[in-house]
Amino acid sequence: MVTRFAPSPTGRLHVGHGWSALLAMTMARRNGGLFRLRIEDIDGTRSRPEHVDGIIRDLQWLGVEWDEDIIFQSARLDHYEAALQRLRSMGLLYPCFCTRADIAASASAPHGPEGPIYPGTCRAISKSEGARRMAAGQAHAWRINMVSAVDRSGPLTWDALPFPPDPGAQARRVNAEPLAAGDVVLARKDAPASYHLSCTLDDADMGVSHVLRGEDLRAATDVHRLIQALLGLPSPVYCHHPLLVGADRKRLAKRDGSIALADLRAQGMDPRQLAQDLHAARFPVGISLASA
């Protein structure tokens, strides 16, 4: 078994991150496997070296220990580009020149698990017109033509473990529904790969056999299963855990200044006691499970 924790250095880790890392580490240790750390640092507009240092300090303070070297996405850009080239050669990607304002103006479009589904505005642009606009330096992302991709892959499933991950539990087969996400972005205007592409490739190359992550990424798993099928990658077993929420019942988030591990560390909290409490699903005051 190989599990992993994969934070983005775009802010400080909060208690929910610490809980997720401990869960993934414990899952591997109890099954005689490996636990690995990946830093998803390709968001050029928000990733910061100081946040990388903070992540490492926070995890070490909490008692999270990983096996083998840390993987940095910024060192894997050639892998992402090679995958994009393969998907382009299959005729499954198209450049998208829409701005956020353009997409927001299409708010009447149907909603999927991750919000408004992209209306496919740029899908109708001819290859010659797209090439002309790219040659002119017009900023663009790369989207997958989801209908064509699903037609190529055929029906897909993935294996899901219940939470908490009981060692004796049997995985159940889940039907993947990537069409619900629409034509998602695989390469952003401001980053060489989207979360969907980079995460899927990294998990395969790292030999990750079991992915334990928040239930907010449940719908993303359908998209990742599609990418695995298109690129001939193995599909891990997935386990989605509940999210932690604050006293306002909103999910913990870096942008909201949720209780940071660095703050608890600065306050002199005993990390061993905090780790024990998190293992027992006892959280700091004002924090609880979303499903509680």
Protein backbone atom coordinates (compact mmCIF):
# COMPACT_ATOMS: atom_id res chain seq x y z
CA MET A 1 0.00 0.00 0.00
CA VAL A 2 1.19 3.50 -0.83
CA THR A 3 -0.70 6.56 0.36
CA ARG A 4 0.17 10.24 0.09
CA PHE A 5 -0.54 13.77 1.29
CA ALA A 6 -0.30 16.48 -1.36
CA PRO A 7 -0.66 20.07 -0.09
CA SER A 8 -0.29 23.22 -2.18
CA PRO A 9 2.09 25.88 -0.78
CA THR A 10 -0.45 28.67 -1.22
CA GLY A 11 -0.97 29.35 2.48
CA ARG A 12 -0.59 27.83 5.93
CA LEU A 13 -1.86 24.37 6.78
CA HIS A 14 -4.92 24.29 9.02
CA VAL A 15 -6.17 21.58 11.36
CA GLY A 16 -8.10 19.87 8.57
CA HIS A 17 -4.90 19.43 6.58
CA GLY A 18 -3.17 17.94 9.61
CA TRP A 19 -6.03 15.52 10.15
CA SER A 20 -5.98 14.39 6.51
CA ALA A 21 -2.20 13.86 6.59
CA LEU A 22 -2.42 11.81 9.79
CA LEU A 23 -5.22 9.69 8.35
CA ALA A 24 -3.25 8.88 5.20
CA MET A 25 -0.07 8.15 7.14
CA THR A 26 -1.86 5.90 9.62
CA MET A 27 -3.63 4.03 6.83
CA ALA A 28 -0.27 3.16 5.27
CA ARG A 29 1.45 2.29 8.53
CA ARG A 30 -1.33 -0.06 9.67
CA ASN A 31 -1.05 -1.94 6.39
CA GLY A 32 2.73 -2.15 6.25
CA GLY A 33 2.89 0.34 3.40
CA LEU A 34 4.52 3.63 2.49
CA PHE A 35 3.33 7.18 3.08
CA ARG A 36 4.64 9.83 0.72
CA LEU A 37 4.59 13.63 0.58
CA ARG A 38 4.05 15.67 -2.58
CA ILE A 39 4.18 19.46 -2.80
CA GLU A 40 1.85 20.77 -5.51
CA ASP A 41 3.79 23.95 -6.26
CA ILE A 42 2.92 24.83 -9.87
CA ASP A 43 0.46 27.62 -9.13
CA GLY A 44 2.80 30.40 -10.17
CA THR A 45 0.56 33.17 -8.89
CA ARG A 46 0.09 31.84 -5.34
CA SER A 47 2.78 29.26 -4.48
CA ARG A 48 5.46 30.58 -2.12
CA PRO A 49 8.76 29.01 -0.93
CA GLU A 50 8.02 30.14 2.61
CA HIS A 51 4.80 28.14 2.57
CA VAL A 52 6.77 25.04 1.53
CA ASP A 53 9.00 25.50 4.57
CA GLY A 54 5.95 26.06 6.74
CA ILE A 55 4.26 22.89 5.51
CA ILE A 56 7.32 20.79 6.32
CA ARG A 57 7.70 22.34 9.79
CA ASP A 58 4.01 21.91 10.60
CA LEU A 59 3.91 18.27 9.54
CA GLN A 60 7.11 17.42 11.42
CA TRP A 61 5.75 19.17 14.51
CA LEU A 62 2.53 17.14 14.32
CA GLY A 63 4.48 13.90 14.04
CA VAL A 64 3.77 13.24 10.37
CA GLU A 65 6.65 11.22 8.90
CA TRP A 66 6.90 10.42 5.21
CA ASP A 67 8.89 7.83 3.30
CA GLU A 68 11.34 8.55 0.47
CA ASP A 69 12.03 11.98 -0.99
CA ILE A 70 9.44 14.73 -1.22
CA ILE A 71 8.05 15.07 -4.73
CA PHE A 72 7.76 18.60 -6.11
CA GLN A 73 5.41 19.15 -9.03
CA SER A 74 7.61 21.99 -10.29
CA ALA A 75 10.22 19.33 -11.17
CA ARG A 76 7.73 17.35 -13.25
CA LEU A 77 6.59 19.85 -15.87
CA ASP A 78 7.92 17.74 -18.75
CA HIS A 79 5.67 14.86 -17.65
CA TYR A 80 2.60 17.08 -17.77
CA GLU A 81 3.49 18.45 -21.19
CA ALA A 82 4.06 14.96 -22.57
CA ALA A 83 0.62 13.89 -21.35
CA LEU A 84 -0.97 16.99 -22.88
CA GLN A 85 0.73 16.21 -26.18
CA ARG A 86 -0.67 12.68 -26.12
CA LEU A 87 -4.18 13.95 -25.49
CA ARG A 88 -3.81 16.57 -28.23
CA SER A 89 -2.69 13.86 -30.65
CA MET A 90 -5.90 12.01 -29.82
CA GLY A 91 -7.88 15.09 -30.80
CA LEU A 92 -9.30 15.43 -27.29
CA LEU A 93 -8.05 18.91 -26.30
CA TYR A 94 -8.91 22.36 -27.57
CA PRO A 95 -7.60 25.82 -26.65
CA CYS A 96 -9.95 27.98 -24.62
CA PHE A 97 -9.55 31.75 -24.80
CA CYS A 98 -12.45 32.61 -22.48
CA THR A 99 -11.80 34.87 -19.53
CA ARG A 100 -13.32 34.42 -16.10
CA ALA A 101 -15.71 37.24 -16.99
CA ASP A 102 -16.76 35.41 -20.16
CA ILE A 103 -17.53 32.28 -18.20
CA ALA A 104 -19.30 34.20 -15.43
CA ALA A 105 -21.52 35.76 -18.09
CA SER A 106 -22.65 32.22 -18.90
CA ALA A 107 -24.04 31.73 -15.41
CA SER A 108 -27.22 30.36 -16.92
CA ALA A 109 -25.26 27.28 -17.97
CA PRO A 110 -26.12 24.09 -16.08
CA HIS A 111 -24.23 23.36 -12.89
CA GLY A 112 -22.13 20.29 -12.24
CA PRO A 113 -20.46 18.96 -9.07
CA GLU A 114 -17.78 21.67 -9.24
CA GLY A 115 -19.98 24.62 -10.22
CA PRO A 116 -21.15 25.99 -13.58
CA ILE A 117 -20.33 23.68 -16.46
CA TYR A 118 -18.28 25.36 -19.16
CA PRO A 119 -20.68 26.06 -22.06
CA GLY A 120 -18.19 24.94 -24.71
CA THR A 121 -17.79 28.37 -26.30
CA CYS A 122 -14.31 27.70 -27.68
CA ARG A 123 -15.03 24.13 -28.68
CA ALA A 124 -16.59 25.45 -31.90
CA ILE A 125 -13.50 27.45 -32.90
CA SER A 126 -11.79 25.93 -35.94
CA LYS A 127 -8.27 24.56 -35.60
CA SER A 128 -6.93 27.21 -37.95
CA GLU A 129 -8.57 30.02 -35.99
CA GLY A 130 -7.31 28.58 -32.72
CA ALA A 131 -3.79 28.30 -34.12
CA ARG A 132 -3.94 31.89 -35.37
CA ARG A 133 -5.00 33.22 -31.98
CA MET A 134 -2.35 31.23 -30.15
CA ALA A 135 0.33 32.42 -32.59
CA ALA A 136 -0.78 35.97 -31.85
CA GLY A 137 -0.02 35.36 -28.20
CA GLN A 138 -3.60 35.27 -26.92
CA ALA A 139 -3.73 33.70 -23.49
CA HIS A 140 -5.44 30.33 -23.45
CA ALA A 141 -6.09 27.25 -21.40
CA TRP A 142 -6.48 23.71 -22.72
CA ARG A 143 -9.79 21.98 -22.14
CA ILE A 144 -10.76 18.39 -22.74
CA ASN A 145 -13.67 17.67 -25.04
CA MET A 146 -15.49 15.56 -22.50
CA VAL A 147 -18.01 14.00 -24.86
CA SER A 148 -15.29 12.84 -27.23
CA ALA A 149 -13.13 11.61 -24.34
CA VAL A 150 -15.95 9.57 -22.80
CA ASP A 151 -16.82 8.14 -26.20
CA ARG A 152 -13.22 7.00 -26.49
CA SER A 153 -12.92 5.54 -23.00
CA GLY A 154 -16.30 3.88 -22.72
CA PRO A 155 -17.98 3.23 -19.33
CA LEU A 156 -15.63 3.50 -16.36
CA THR A 157 -15.68 2.58 -12.68
CA TRP A 158 -13.45 3.14 -9.68
CA ASP A 159 -13.09 1.42 -6.31
CA ALA A 160 -14.20 3.23 -3.15
CA LEU A 161 -13.48 2.36 0.48
CA PRO A 162 -15.83 3.59 3.22
CA PHE A 163 -14.64 6.08 5.81
CA PRO A 164 -13.12 5.44 8.25
CA PRO A 165 -10.97 3.01 6.26
CA ASP A 166 -11.44 -0.29 8.09
CA PRO A 167 -8.61 -2.69 7.11
CA GLY A 168 -11.19 -5.44 6.62
CA ALA A 169 -13.61 -3.37 4.58
CA GLN A 170 -14.30 -4.32 1.00
CA ALA A 171 -14.12 -1.68 -1.71
CA ARG A 172 -17.31 -1.05 -3.65
CA ARG A 173 -17.41 -0.35 -7.35
CA VAL A 174 -18.56 3.18 -8.29
CA ASN A 175 -19.66 4.22 -11.75
CA ALA A 176 -17.62 7.20 -12.96
CA GLU A 177 -19.61 10.09 -14.41
CA PRO A 178 -17.04 12.52 -15.85
CA LEU A 179 -19.60 14.05 -18.22
CA ALA A 180 -21.12 15.80 -15.20
CA ALA A 181 -17.99 17.96 -14.92
CA GLY A 182 -18.13 19.28 -18.49
CA ASP A 183 -15.05 20.27 -20.48
CA VAL A 184 -12.66 20.75 -17.56
CA VAL A 185 -9.32 22.54 -17.89
CA LEU A 186 -6.22 20.32 -18.08
CA ALA A 187 -3.69 23.13 -18.59
CA ARG A 188 -4.41 26.56 -17.13
CA LYS A 189 -3.49 29.95 -18.55
CA ASP A 190 -1.30 30.60 -15.51
CA ALA A 191 -0.05 27.07 -14.80
CA PRO A 192 1.37 24.27 -16.97
CA ALA A 193 -1.20 21.74 -15.75
CA SER A 194 -4.45 21.75 -13.83
CA TYR A 195 -5.05 19.83 -10.63
CA HIS A 196 -6.91 17.15 -12.55
CA LEU A 197 -3.98 16.32 -14.83
CA SER A 198 -1.03 16.81 -12.49
CA CYS A 199 -2.60 14.91 -9.58
CA THR A 200 -3.54 11.95 -11.77
CA LEU A 201 -0.09 11.68 -13.35
CA ASP A 202 1.73 12.13 -10.05
CA ASP A 203 -0.28 9.47 -8.23
CA ALA A 204 0.51 6.98 -11.00
CA ASP A 205 4.23 7.80 -11.14
CA MET A 206 4.54 7.69 -7.34
CA GLY A 207 2.93 4.25 -7.21
CA VAL A 208 0.06 5.48 -5.05
CA SER A 209 -2.31 2.57 -4.45
CA HIS A 210 -4.78 4.26 -2.08
CA VAL A 211 -5.86 7.91 -2.20
CA LEU A 212 -7.42 9.28 0.98
CA ARG A 213 -8.70 12.85 0.54
CA GLY A 214 -11.64 15.12 1.35
CA GLU A 215 -15.13 14.38 0.11
CA ASP A 216 -15.10 17.74 -1.69
CA LEU A 217 -12.93 15.96 -4.28
CA ARG A 218 -15.36 13.09 -4.80
CA ALA A 219 -16.55 14.46 -8.16
CA ALA A 220 -12.96 15.08 -9.28
CA THR A 221 -12.32 11.36 -8.93
CA ASP A 222 -14.60 10.70 -11.92
CA VAL A 223 -12.46 13.03 -14.04
CA HIS A 224 -9.25 11.45 -12.79
CA ARG A 225 -10.55 7.99 -13.64
CA LEU A 226 -11.17 9.18 -17.20
CA ILE A 227 -7.63 10.56 -17.54
CA GLN A 228 -6.24 7.29 -16.22
CA ALA A 229 -8.17 5.37 -18.87
CA LEU A 230 -7.09 7.67 -21.69
CA LEU A 231 -3.41 7.54 -20.74
CA GLY A 232 -3.27 3.88 -19.71
CA LEU A 233 -2.57 4.62 -16.03
CA PRO A 234 -3.49 2.45 -13.03
CA SER A 235 -6.47 3.47 -10.91
CA PRO A 236 -5.93 3.65 -7.12
CA VAL A 237 -8.53 2.78 -4.52
CA TYR A 238 -10.17 5.95 -3.19
CA CYS A 239 -11.44 6.86 0.26
CA HIS A 240 -13.08 10.25 0.83
CA HIS A 241 -13.21 11.63 4.35
CA PRO A 242 -15.64 14.23 5.76
CA LEU A 243 -14.55 17.87 5.87
CA LEU A 244 -13.88 19.85 9.01
CA VAL A 245 -15.95 22.96 9.56
CA GLY A 246 -15.64 25.92 11.90
CA ALA A 247 -18.17 27.32 14.34
CA ASP A 248 -19.87 29.06 11.40
CA ARG A 249 -20.37 25.62 9.77
CA LYS A 250 -18.21 26.69 6.82
CA ARG A 251 -15.45 24.33 5.71
CA LEU A 252 -11.97 25.21 6.88
CA ALA A 253 -10.03 27.07 4.21
CA LYS A 254 -6.67 28.81 3.98
CA ARG A 255 -8.22 31.95 2.55
CA ASP A 256 -10.50 32.33 5.57
CA GLY A 257 -7.67 32.17 8.08
CA SER A 258 -8.92 28.91 9.61
CA ILE A 259 -7.06 27.64 12.66
CA ALA A 260 -3.52 27.17 11.42
CA LEU A 261 -1.16 24.51 12.73
CA ALA A 262 1.53 27.20 12.93
CA ASP A 263 -0.66 29.19 15.35
CA LEU A 264 -1.25 26.16 17.56
CA ARG A 265 2.48 25.48 17.50
CA ALA A 266 3.22 29.10 18.49
CA GLN A 267 0.69 28.84 21.33
CA GLY A 268 2.64 25.94 22.80
CA MET A 269 0.07 23.22 22.15
CA ASP A 270 1.35 19.70 22.76
CA PRO A 271 1.59 18.19 19.25
CA ARG A 272 1.39 14.62 20.56
CA GLN A 273 -1.87 15.37 22.34
CA LEU A 274 -3.23 17.15 19.26
CA ALA A 275 -2.32 14.18 17.08
CA GLN A 276 -4.02 11.80 19.51
CA ASP A 277 -7.12 13.97 19.56
CA LEU A 278 -7.24 14.16 15.77
CA HIS A 279 -6.89 10.38 15.51
CA ALA A 280 -9.84 10.10 17.88
CA ALA A 281 -11.79 12.71 15.88
CA ARG A 282 -11.64 15.19 18.74
CA PHE A 283 -10.96 18.60 17.25
CA PRO A 284 -9.97 21.99 18.73
CA VAL A 285 -12.77 24.15 20.06
CA GLY A 286 -15.08 25.44 17.34
CA ILE A 287 -14.18 22.76 14.80
CA SER A 288 -16.27 19.73 13.93
CA LEU A 289 -17.07 17.38 11.08
CA ALA A 290 -19.27 18.70 8.29
CA SER A 291 -21.51 15.67 8.67
CA ALA A 292 -21.81 16.00 12.44
